[in-house]
Amino acid sequence: MVDSHGLAIAVHEWGDEAAPPILLAHGGFDFAGTFAVFAPMLADAGFRAISWDHRGHGDSQHAALYNWEADLRDAATVFDSISFAPMPVIGHSKGGSLMLQLADALPHRVSHLINLDGLPSRRSFPDVSDHQRTKLMADELTAWLDHRRSLADAQRKPGTIAELAERRSRMNPRLDMDWLRYLVTIGAREDADGWRWKIDPTLRLGGFGPWRPEWSMMRLPDIGVPVLAVLGTEVDPMGWGTAAADVLSHLPPDGRLVMLEGAGHFVHIEKPREVADMVLELLA
């Protein structure tokens, strides 16, 4: 556990403590355990693979409110607990966007950036006037606070391991049911009335406070370290729908895009060996 400004953040590791570190940031509504097959491959190659449960996820403490900047502060705290030297980072989905912003804001802390379908795009980036931007922010804040207040005493619905796996399969239909049942055993807790996902019920899909996912892509051209971006070619309910052209138009000079055939949004779970080999090639 790492203390992040008074909030307990659960950190998980694979590999030798003396090995060079590589940090992994999971996606929204996931947890560090979703790297349980992928991370050991990096550890077997001589790295100390480190991930953490985002606030409100997995074994990390729940917060009264959530926002994007708080997740960034948590990530920086985990970085500080490992080393102050530059480190390679891997981020999936929300974690990919987080690591992209962190590499932009703290370039001296990141040596390589691997982004696994964490580059949301709506194919357009309209210029918004200051007046409209202020109004949009007010609307976002109001909606977020109203949502949070309505769920102040909420609990996630209990069920059996099979039932929770089946619910998750609606969001992750490309993932094997055996894998989803395994995820329940590490990402949920068993209460007297059944299993419940540990994820804070006040969190909702599509937002972690007043933040727009597509803002992430605008930071990509600023990155000055080697970048590997990986997208799956298959349509996935949890995917961003980002096309190769969306990324290539923003890719920095020292960047590479790989379209992974036959994979969806969860490229590191569907094809862990292929993704691990690409990461190790970049780091070599």
Protein backbone atom coordinates (compact mmCIF):
# COMPACT_ATOMS: atom_id res chain seq x y z
CA MET A 1 0.00 0.00 0.00
CA VAL A 2 1.18 3.53 -0.85
CA ASP A 3 -0.23 6.65 0.80
CA SER A 4 -1.35 9.16 -1.84
CA HIS A 5 -2.28 12.38 -0.05
CA GLY A 6 -4.23 10.44 2.59
CA LEU A 7 -5.71 7.79 0.28
CA ALA A 8 -4.42 4.19 0.36
CA ILE A 9 -3.36 2.95 -3.08
CA ALA A 10 -2.75 -0.80 -3.58
CA VAL A 11 0.43 -1.59 -5.53
CA HIS A 12 1.16 -5.01 -7.08
CA GLU A 13 4.44 -6.36 -8.44
CA TRP A 14 5.84 -9.21 -10.52
CA GLY A 15 9.54 -10.05 -10.81
CA ASP A 16 12.80 -9.36 -9.01
CA GLU A 17 12.80 -6.26 -6.80
CA ALA A 18 16.33 -5.45 -8.03
CA ALA A 19 15.35 -5.60 -11.72
CA PRO A 20 14.75 -2.41 -13.75
CA PRO A 21 11.16 -1.23 -13.17
CA ILE A 22 8.41 -0.85 -15.72
CA LEU A 23 5.06 0.62 -14.67
CA LEU A 24 1.67 -0.59 -15.94
CA ALA A 25 -1.54 1.47 -15.70
CA HIS A 26 -4.82 -0.42 -16.08
CA GLY A 27 -8.00 0.79 -17.75
CA GLY A 28 -11.20 2.15 -16.27
CA PHE A 29 -13.24 -0.39 -14.27
CA ASP A 30 -10.24 -2.71 -14.30
CA PHE A 31 -7.53 -3.30 -11.69
CA ALA A 32 -3.88 -4.34 -11.58
CA GLY A 33 -4.86 -8.03 -11.62
CA THR A 34 -5.92 -7.73 -15.26
CA PHE A 35 -2.16 -7.80 -16.05
CA ALA A 36 -1.85 -11.24 -14.39
CA VAL A 37 -0.72 -12.99 -17.60
CA PHE A 38 0.96 -10.07 -19.41
CA ALA A 39 3.06 -8.69 -16.52
CA PRO A 40 4.83 -12.01 -15.70
CA MET A 41 6.06 -12.13 -19.30
CA LEU A 42 7.86 -8.82 -18.71
CA ALA A 43 9.15 -10.11 -15.37
CA ASP A 44 10.48 -13.28 -17.03
CA ALA A 45 12.40 -11.03 -19.45
CA GLY A 46 14.19 -9.33 -16.55
CA PHE A 47 11.92 -6.46 -15.54
CA ARG A 48 10.24 -5.54 -12.27
CA ALA A 49 6.65 -5.07 -13.45
CA ILE A 50 4.63 -2.77 -11.18
CA SER A 51 0.97 -1.81 -11.35
CA TRP A 52 -1.51 -0.21 -9.00
CA ASP A 53 -5.27 -0.19 -8.49
CA HIS A 54 -6.59 3.25 -9.35
CA ARG A 55 -8.50 4.99 -6.57
CA GLY A 56 -11.95 3.43 -6.26
CA HIS A 57 -10.77 0.29 -8.11
CA GLY A 58 -9.57 -3.08 -6.83
CA ASP A 59 -7.98 -2.96 -3.38
CA SER A 60 -7.33 0.79 -3.37
CA GLN A 61 -9.38 3.01 -1.09
CA HIS A 62 -12.57 4.65 -2.30
CA ALA A 63 -12.68 8.46 -2.40
CA ALA A 64 -15.43 10.97 -1.71
CA LEU A 65 -14.98 12.40 -5.21
CA TYR A 66 -12.98 11.43 -8.30
CA ASN A 67 -11.29 13.43 -10.99
CA TRP A 68 -8.61 12.98 -13.61
CA GLU A 69 -6.00 15.06 -11.77
CA ALA A 70 -6.38 12.91 -8.64
CA ASP A 71 -5.55 9.81 -10.71
CA LEU A 72 -2.47 11.61 -12.03
CA ARG A 73 -1.36 12.50 -8.49
CA ASP A 74 -1.81 8.86 -7.46
CA ALA A 75 0.31 7.73 -10.42
CA ALA A 76 3.07 10.21 -9.52
CA THR A 77 2.99 8.94 -5.93
CA VAL A 78 3.47 5.35 -7.12
CA PHE A 79 6.34 6.53 -9.34
CA ASP A 80 7.98 8.20 -6.34
CA SER A 81 7.65 5.02 -4.26
CA ILE A 82 9.72 3.11 -6.86
CA SER A 83 12.34 5.47 -8.27
CA PHE A 84 12.97 9.06 -9.33
CA ALA A 85 14.82 7.90 -12.46
CA PRO A 86 13.02 7.81 -15.83
CA MET A 87 11.00 4.60 -16.29
CA PRO A 88 9.14 2.95 -19.17
CA VAL A 89 5.37 3.02 -18.76
CA ILE A 90 2.59 0.94 -20.29
CA GLY A 91 -1.00 2.15 -20.16
CA HIS A 92 -4.18 0.44 -21.34
CA SER A 93 -7.29 2.46 -22.25
CA LYS A 94 -7.84 4.98 -19.43
CA GLY A 95 -4.38 4.08 -18.13
CA GLY A 96 -2.94 4.83 -21.57
CA SER A 97 -4.46 8.30 -21.53
CA LEU A 98 -3.20 8.84 -17.96
CA MET A 99 0.36 7.87 -18.89
CA LEU A 100 0.20 10.05 -21.99
CA GLN A 101 -0.69 13.09 -19.88
CA LEU A 102 1.91 12.19 -17.25
CA ALA A 103 4.62 11.85 -19.93
CA ASP A 104 3.59 15.25 -21.28
CA ALA A 105 3.55 16.93 -17.85
CA LEU A 106 6.59 15.15 -16.34
CA PRO A 107 8.77 14.19 -19.33
CA HIS A 108 11.81 13.61 -17.11
CA ARG A 109 10.03 10.72 -15.36
CA VAL A 110 9.26 8.62 -18.48
CA SER A 111 11.81 6.86 -20.71
CA HIS A 112 9.41 5.01 -23.06
CA LEU A 113 5.65 5.23 -23.54
CA ILE A 114 3.60 2.19 -24.61
CA ASN A 115 -0.06 2.98 -25.23
CA LEU A 116 -2.53 0.08 -25.58
CA ASP A 117 -5.73 1.46 -27.15
CA GLY A 118 -5.59 4.51 -24.89
CA LEU A 119 -5.92 7.16 -27.61
CA PRO A 120 -9.60 8.09 -27.78
CA SER A 121 -10.72 9.89 -30.90
CA ARG A 122 -13.97 11.28 -32.25
CA ARG A 123 -12.35 12.05 -35.59
CA SER A 124 -12.64 15.78 -34.99
CA PHE A 125 -11.20 18.27 -32.54
CA PRO A 126 -13.39 21.38 -32.85
CA ASP A 127 -12.22 24.72 -31.59
CA VAL A 128 -14.55 25.80 -28.78
CA SER A 129 -14.91 29.42 -27.80
CA ASP A 130 -14.01 30.46 -24.24
CA HIS A 131 -17.66 31.22 -23.47
CA GLN A 132 -18.83 27.79 -24.66
CA ARG A 133 -15.96 26.05 -22.87
CA THR A 134 -16.93 27.67 -19.57
CA LYS A 135 -20.55 26.62 -20.03
CA LEU A 136 -19.54 23.06 -20.94
CA MET A 137 -17.37 22.80 -17.83
CA ALA A 138 -20.23 24.06 -15.62
CA ASP A 139 -22.59 21.50 -17.18
CA GLU A 140 -20.04 18.71 -16.69
CA LEU A 141 -19.42 19.60 -13.05
CA THR A 142 -23.14 19.86 -12.27
CA ALA A 143 -23.94 16.52 -13.92
CA TRP A 144 -21.04 14.80 -12.15
CA LEU A 145 -21.97 16.10 -8.70
CA ASP A 146 -25.66 15.25 -9.22
CA HIS A 147 -24.66 11.72 -10.23
CA ARG A 148 -22.38 11.37 -7.19
CA ARG A 149 -25.08 12.58 -4.78
CA SER A 150 -27.67 10.16 -6.19
CA LEU A 151 -25.36 7.20 -5.44
CA ALA A 152 -24.11 8.23 -1.99
CA ASP A 153 -25.32 5.01 -0.33
CA ALA A 154 -25.17 2.69 -3.35
CA GLN A 155 -23.76 -0.84 -3.32
CA ARG A 156 -22.90 -3.05 -6.24
CA LYS A 157 -25.32 -5.88 -6.94
CA PRO A 158 -24.17 -9.21 -5.43
CA GLY A 159 -24.05 -12.49 -7.32
CA THR A 160 -22.19 -15.73 -7.82
CA ILE A 161 -18.81 -15.89 -9.53
CA ALA A 162 -20.54 -17.08 -12.68
CA GLU A 163 -23.12 -14.27 -12.54
CA LEU A 164 -20.49 -11.54 -12.13
CA ALA A 165 -18.45 -13.05 -14.96
CA GLU A 166 -21.55 -13.10 -17.18
CA ARG A 167 -22.27 -9.43 -16.39
CA ARG A 168 -18.73 -8.46 -17.29
CA SER A 169 -18.92 -10.48 -20.51
CA ARG A 170 -21.52 -7.99 -21.77
CA MET A 171 -18.75 -5.36 -21.78
CA ASN A 172 -15.97 -7.84 -22.64
CA PRO A 173 -17.59 -10.32 -25.08
CA ARG A 174 -14.24 -11.13 -26.73
CA LEU A 175 -12.70 -12.39 -23.47
CA ASP A 176 -12.84 -16.05 -22.46
CA MET A 177 -15.35 -16.94 -19.72
CA ASP A 178 -12.69 -18.83 -17.75
CA TRP A 179 -10.62 -15.62 -17.69
CA LEU A 180 -13.64 -13.56 -16.60
CA ARG A 181 -14.42 -16.01 -13.77
CA TYR A 182 -10.79 -15.75 -12.67
CA LEU A 183 -11.08 -11.94 -12.68
CA VAL A 184 -14.04 -12.17 -10.30
CA THR A 185 -11.91 -14.02 -7.75
CA ILE A 186 -9.30 -11.22 -7.67
CA GLY A 187 -11.40 -8.17 -8.56
CA ALA A 188 -14.44 -8.85 -6.38
CA ARG A 189 -14.98 -9.66 -2.71
CA GLU A 190 -17.18 -12.33 -1.20
CA ASP A 191 -19.82 -10.91 1.18
CA ALA A 192 -22.47 -12.81 3.11
CA ASP A 193 -24.99 -12.33 0.27
CA GLY A 194 -22.60 -13.07 -2.61
CA TRP A 195 -19.70 -11.63 -4.62
CA ARG A 196 -19.44 -7.92 -5.42
CA TRP A 197 -16.98 -6.10 -7.66
CA LYS A 198 -14.70 -3.92 -5.50
CA ILE A 199 -15.08 -0.97 -7.87
CA ASP A 200 -16.75 2.05 -6.25
CA PRO A 201 -20.41 2.11 -7.41
CA THR A 202 -20.28 5.91 -7.75
CA LEU A 203 -17.90 5.58 -10.70
CA ARG A 204 -19.51 5.51 -14.11
CA LEU A 205 -18.43 4.61 -17.63
CA GLY A 206 -17.15 7.39 -19.82
CA GLY A 207 -15.90 9.76 -17.18
CA PHE A 208 -13.64 10.11 -14.17
CA GLY A 209 -14.74 13.56 -13.14
CA PRO A 210 -15.11 16.44 -15.61
CA TRP A 211 -12.85 15.11 -18.36
CA ARG A 212 -13.32 14.35 -22.06
CA PRO A 213 -11.44 11.25 -23.30
CA GLU A 214 -10.64 12.72 -26.71
CA TRP A 215 -8.53 15.45 -25.11
CA SER A 216 -5.78 12.83 -24.68
CA MET A 217 -4.90 12.62 -28.38
CA MET A 218 -3.96 16.30 -28.46
CA ARG A 219 -0.98 15.59 -26.17
CA LEU A 220 0.52 12.87 -28.35
CA PRO A 221 2.59 15.13 -30.67
CA ASP A 222 4.35 16.65 -27.63
CA ILE A 223 5.90 13.39 -26.43
CA GLY A 224 9.68 13.36 -26.80
CA VAL A 225 10.44 9.74 -25.82
CA PRO A 226 10.00 6.58 -27.93
CA VAL A 227 6.29 5.80 -28.30
CA LEU A 228 4.62 2.52 -29.22
CA ALA A 229 0.89 2.71 -29.86
CA VAL A 230 -1.05 -0.55 -30.26
CA LEU A 231 -4.62 -0.79 -31.55
CA GLY A 232 -6.71 -3.89 -32.17
CA THR A 233 -8.46 -4.26 -35.51
CA GLU A 234 -11.63 -5.83 -34.09
CA VAL A 235 -14.67 -3.83 -32.99
CA ASP A 236 -15.18 -4.05 -29.22
CA PRO A 237 -17.93 -2.53 -27.01
CA MET A 238 -15.28 -1.10 -24.66
CA GLY A 239 -13.06 0.19 -27.47
CA TRP A 240 -12.69 3.82 -28.53
CA GLY A 241 -13.15 3.15 -32.24
CA THR A 242 -9.89 4.93 -32.99
CA ALA A 243 -8.67 4.46 -36.57
CA ALA A 244 -5.04 4.24 -37.66
CA ALA A 245 -5.32 7.56 -39.48
CA ASP A 246 -6.42 9.26 -36.24
CA VAL A 247 -3.18 8.22 -34.54
CA LEU A 248 -0.80 8.65 -37.47
CA SER A 249 -1.78 12.30 -37.88
CA HIS A 250 -0.70 12.96 -34.25
CA LEU A 251 2.17 10.49 -33.84
CA PRO A 252 5.48 12.12 -32.76
CA PRO A 253 8.63 11.57 -34.87
CA ASP A 254 9.93 8.83 -32.54
CA GLY A 255 6.62 6.98 -32.54
CA ARG A 256 5.33 3.74 -34.01
CA LEU A 257 1.78 2.48 -34.51
CA VAL A 258 0.96 -1.25 -34.66
CA MET A 259 -2.46 -2.51 -35.71
CA LEU A 260 -2.82 -5.93 -34.06
CA GLU A 261 -4.90 -8.22 -36.26
CA GLY A 262 -7.57 -10.30 -34.54
CA ALA A 263 -7.51 -8.35 -31.27
CA GLY A 264 -10.04 -5.96 -29.76
CA HIS A 265 -9.74 -3.36 -27.02
CA PHE A 266 -7.98 -5.68 -24.52
CA VAL A 267 -4.93 -6.36 -26.68
CA HIS A 268 -2.71 -7.34 -23.72
CA ILE A 269 -5.24 -9.94 -22.56
CA GLU A 270 -6.21 -11.32 -25.97
CA LYS A 271 -2.64 -11.46 -27.35
CA PRO A 272 -0.29 -11.06 -24.36
CA ARG A 273 2.73 -12.75 -25.96
CA GLU A 274 2.62 -10.60 -29.09
CA VAL A 275 2.24 -7.37 -27.11
CA ALA A 276 4.96 -8.33 -24.62
CA ASP A 277 7.37 -9.07 -27.48
CA MET A 278 6.68 -5.66 -29.05
CA VAL A 279 7.32 -3.95 -25.70
CA LEU A 280 10.56 -5.88 -25.14
CA GLU A 281 11.74 -5.05 -28.67
CA LEU A 282 11.16 -1.34 -28.01
CA LEU A 283 12.97 -1.44 -24.67
CA ALA A 284 15.92 -3.34 -26.18
